Amino acid sequence: MGVLAGCIAIAVGVFMTINAAFMLASPRTWFRLPGWLRAQGSLTEDKYSSGWGAIQIRVTGALILTAIAWVLSDMLFRR
């Protein structure tokens, strides 16, 4: 059971990292990702791909990447 949980955790981590990287780099490109890969919920491209909405998407991407880095650093460098 531990191997399955580890595989699922890795898959979720990769999925979140891809989404967060695209969110941070270019919100407009993030909206063009395939639907099965993009985790957009109720966000719409016309509202969140430019201006203040794009800033919100970029900040969210940065926060997700920061959280992933924090978890990884804690796992790898724990005393």
C-alpha atoms as a PDB file:
ATOM      1  CA  MET A   1       0.000   0.000   0.000  1.00  0.00           C
ATOM      2  CA  GLY A   2       2.918   2.370   0.694  1.00  0.00           C
ATOM      3  CA  VAL A   3       4.237   2.064  -2.863  1.00  0.00           C
ATOM      4  CA  LEU A   4       0.837   2.985  -4.308  1.00  0.00           C
ATOM      5  CA  ALA A   5       0.561   5.997  -2.005  1.00  0.00           C
ATOM      6  CA  GLY A   6       4.060   7.105  -2.991  1.00  0.00           C
ATOM      7  CA  CYS A   7       3.239   6.827  -6.705  1.00  0.00           C
ATOM      8  CA  ILE A   8       0.056   8.849  -6.240  1.00  0.00           C
ATOM      9  CA  ALA A   9       1.932  11.498  -4.237  1.00  0.00           C
ATOM     10  CA  ILE A  10       4.572  11.792  -6.970  1.00  0.00           C
ATOM     11  CA  ALA A  11       1.918  12.062  -9.698  1.00  0.00           C
ATOM     12  CA  VAL A  12       0.036  14.781  -7.781  1.00  0.00           C
ATOM     13  CA  GLY A  13       3.287  16.632  -7.119  1.00  0.00           C
ATOM     14  CA  VAL A  14       4.268  16.578 -10.803  1.00  0.00           C
ATOM     15  CA  PHE A  15       0.762  17.666 -11.814  1.00  0.00           C
ATOM     16  CA  MET A  16       0.826  20.580  -9.351  1.00  0.00           C
ATOM     17  CA  THR A  17       4.346  21.604 -10.382  1.00  0.00           C
ATOM     18  CA  ILE A  18       3.427  21.727 -14.083  1.00  0.00           C
ATOM     19  CA  ASN A  19       0.303  23.765 -13.367  1.00  0.00           C
ATOM     20  CA  ALA A  20       2.080  26.168 -11.020  1.00  0.00           C
ATOM     21  CA  ALA A  21       4.990  26.699 -13.427  1.00  0.00           C
ATOM     22  CA  PHE A  22       2.631  27.576 -16.274  1.00  0.00           C
ATOM     23  CA  MET A  23       0.570  29.785 -13.965  1.00  0.00           C
ATOM     24  CA  LEU A  24       3.674  31.712 -12.944  1.00  0.00           C
ATOM     25  CA  ALA A  25       5.218  31.951 -16.423  1.00  0.00           C
ATOM     26  CA  SER A  26       2.137  32.804 -18.492  1.00  0.00           C
ATOM     27  CA  PRO A  27      -1.491  32.715 -17.369  1.00  0.00           C
ATOM     28  CA  ARG A  28      -2.650  32.923 -20.994  1.00  0.00           C
ATOM     29  CA  THR A  29      -0.649  29.796 -21.896  1.00  0.00           C
ATOM     30  CA  TRP A  30      -1.902  28.057 -18.755  1.00  0.00           C
ATOM     31  CA  PHE A  31      -5.473  28.434 -20.012  1.00  0.00           C
ATOM     32  CA  ARG A  32      -4.430  26.736 -23.277  1.00  0.00           C
ATOM     33  CA  LEU A  33      -3.195  23.568 -21.556  1.00  0.00           C
ATOM     34  CA  PRO A  34      -5.320  20.458 -22.180  1.00  0.00           C
ATOM     35  CA  GLY A  35      -8.339  20.191 -19.917  1.00  0.00           C
ATOM     36  CA  TRP A  36      -7.119  16.988 -18.267  1.00  0.00           C
ATOM     37  CA  LEU A  37      -3.884  18.720 -17.228  1.00  0.00           C
ATOM     38  CA  ARG A  38      -5.146  22.191 -16.328  1.00  0.00           C
ATOM     39  CA  ALA A  39      -6.725  22.652 -12.904  1.00  0.00           C
ATOM     40  CA  GLN A  40      -8.705  25.833 -13.445  1.00  0.00           C
ATOM     41  CA  GLY A  41     -12.003  25.222 -11.689  1.00  0.00           C
ATOM     42  CA  SER A  42     -14.354  28.131 -12.415  1.00  0.00           C
ATOM     43  CA  LEU A  43     -11.653  30.531 -13.685  1.00  0.00           C
ATOM     44  CA  THR A  44     -12.258  31.911 -17.182  1.00  0.00           C
ATOM     45  CA  GLU A  45      -9.616  32.927 -19.709  1.00  0.00           C
ATOM     46  CA  ASP A  46     -11.229  36.265 -20.573  1.00  0.00           C
ATOM     47  CA  LYS A  47     -11.216  37.380 -16.919  1.00  0.00           C
ATOM     48  CA  TYR A  48      -7.939  35.918 -15.652  1.00  0.00           C
ATOM     49  CA  SER A  49      -5.522  35.905 -18.614  1.00  0.00           C
ATOM     50  CA  SER A  50      -4.599  39.595 -18.433  1.00  0.00           C
ATOM     51  CA  GLY A  51      -4.517  42.513 -16.013  1.00  0.00           C
ATOM     52  CA  TRP A  52      -5.295  42.005 -12.336  1.00  0.00           C
ATOM     53  CA  GLY A  53      -6.584  38.478 -12.969  1.00  0.00           C
ATOM     54  CA  ALA A  54      -3.235  37.461 -14.484  1.00  0.00           C
ATOM     55  CA  ILE A  55      -1.438  38.830 -11.433  1.00  0.00           C
ATOM     56  CA  GLN A  56      -3.673  36.708  -9.207  1.00  0.00           C
ATOM     57  CA  ILE A  57      -2.918  33.607 -11.290  1.00  0.00           C
ATOM     58  CA  ARG A  58       0.834  34.320 -11.165  1.00  0.00           C
ATOM     59  CA  VAL A  59       0.787  34.844  -7.386  1.00  0.00           C
ATOM     60  CA  THR A  60      -1.140  31.596  -6.951  1.00  0.00           C
ATOM     61  CA  GLY A  61       1.414  29.758  -9.093  1.00  0.00           C
ATOM     62  CA  ALA A  62       4.261  31.223  -7.041  1.00  0.00           C
ATOM     63  CA  LEU A  63       2.571  30.192  -3.783  1.00  0.00           C
ATOM     64  CA  ILE A  64       2.032  26.638  -5.035  1.00  0.00           C
ATOM     65  CA  LEU A  65       5.674  26.338  -6.132  1.00  0.00           C
ATOM     66  CA  THR A  66       6.808  27.739  -2.777  1.00  0.00           C
ATOM     67  CA  ALA A  67       4.684  25.199  -0.908  1.00  0.00           C
ATOM     68  CA  ILE A  68       6.057  22.348  -3.021  1.00  0.00           C
ATOM     69  CA  ALA A  69       9.641  23.533  -2.426  1.00  0.00           C
ATOM     70  CA  TRP A  70       8.965  23.810   1.310  1.00  0.00           C
ATOM     71  CA  VAL A  71       7.582  20.275   1.521  1.00  0.00           C
ATOM     72  CA  LEU A  72      10.436  18.856  -0.564  1.00  0.00           C
ATOM     73  CA  SER A  73      13.092  20.644   1.464  1.00  0.00           C
ATOM     74  CA  ASP A  74      11.539  19.399   4.693  1.00  0.00           C
ATOM     75  CA  MET A  75      11.463  15.828   3.352  1.00  0.00           C
ATOM     76  CA  LEU A  76      15.013  15.904   2.003  1.00  0.00           C
ATOM     77  CA  PHE A  77      16.817  17.894   4.689  1.00  0.00           C
ATOM     78  CA  ARG A  78      14.969  16.867   7.832  1.00  0.00           C
ATOM     79  CA  ARG A  79      17.327  16.175  10.726  1.00  0.00           C
END
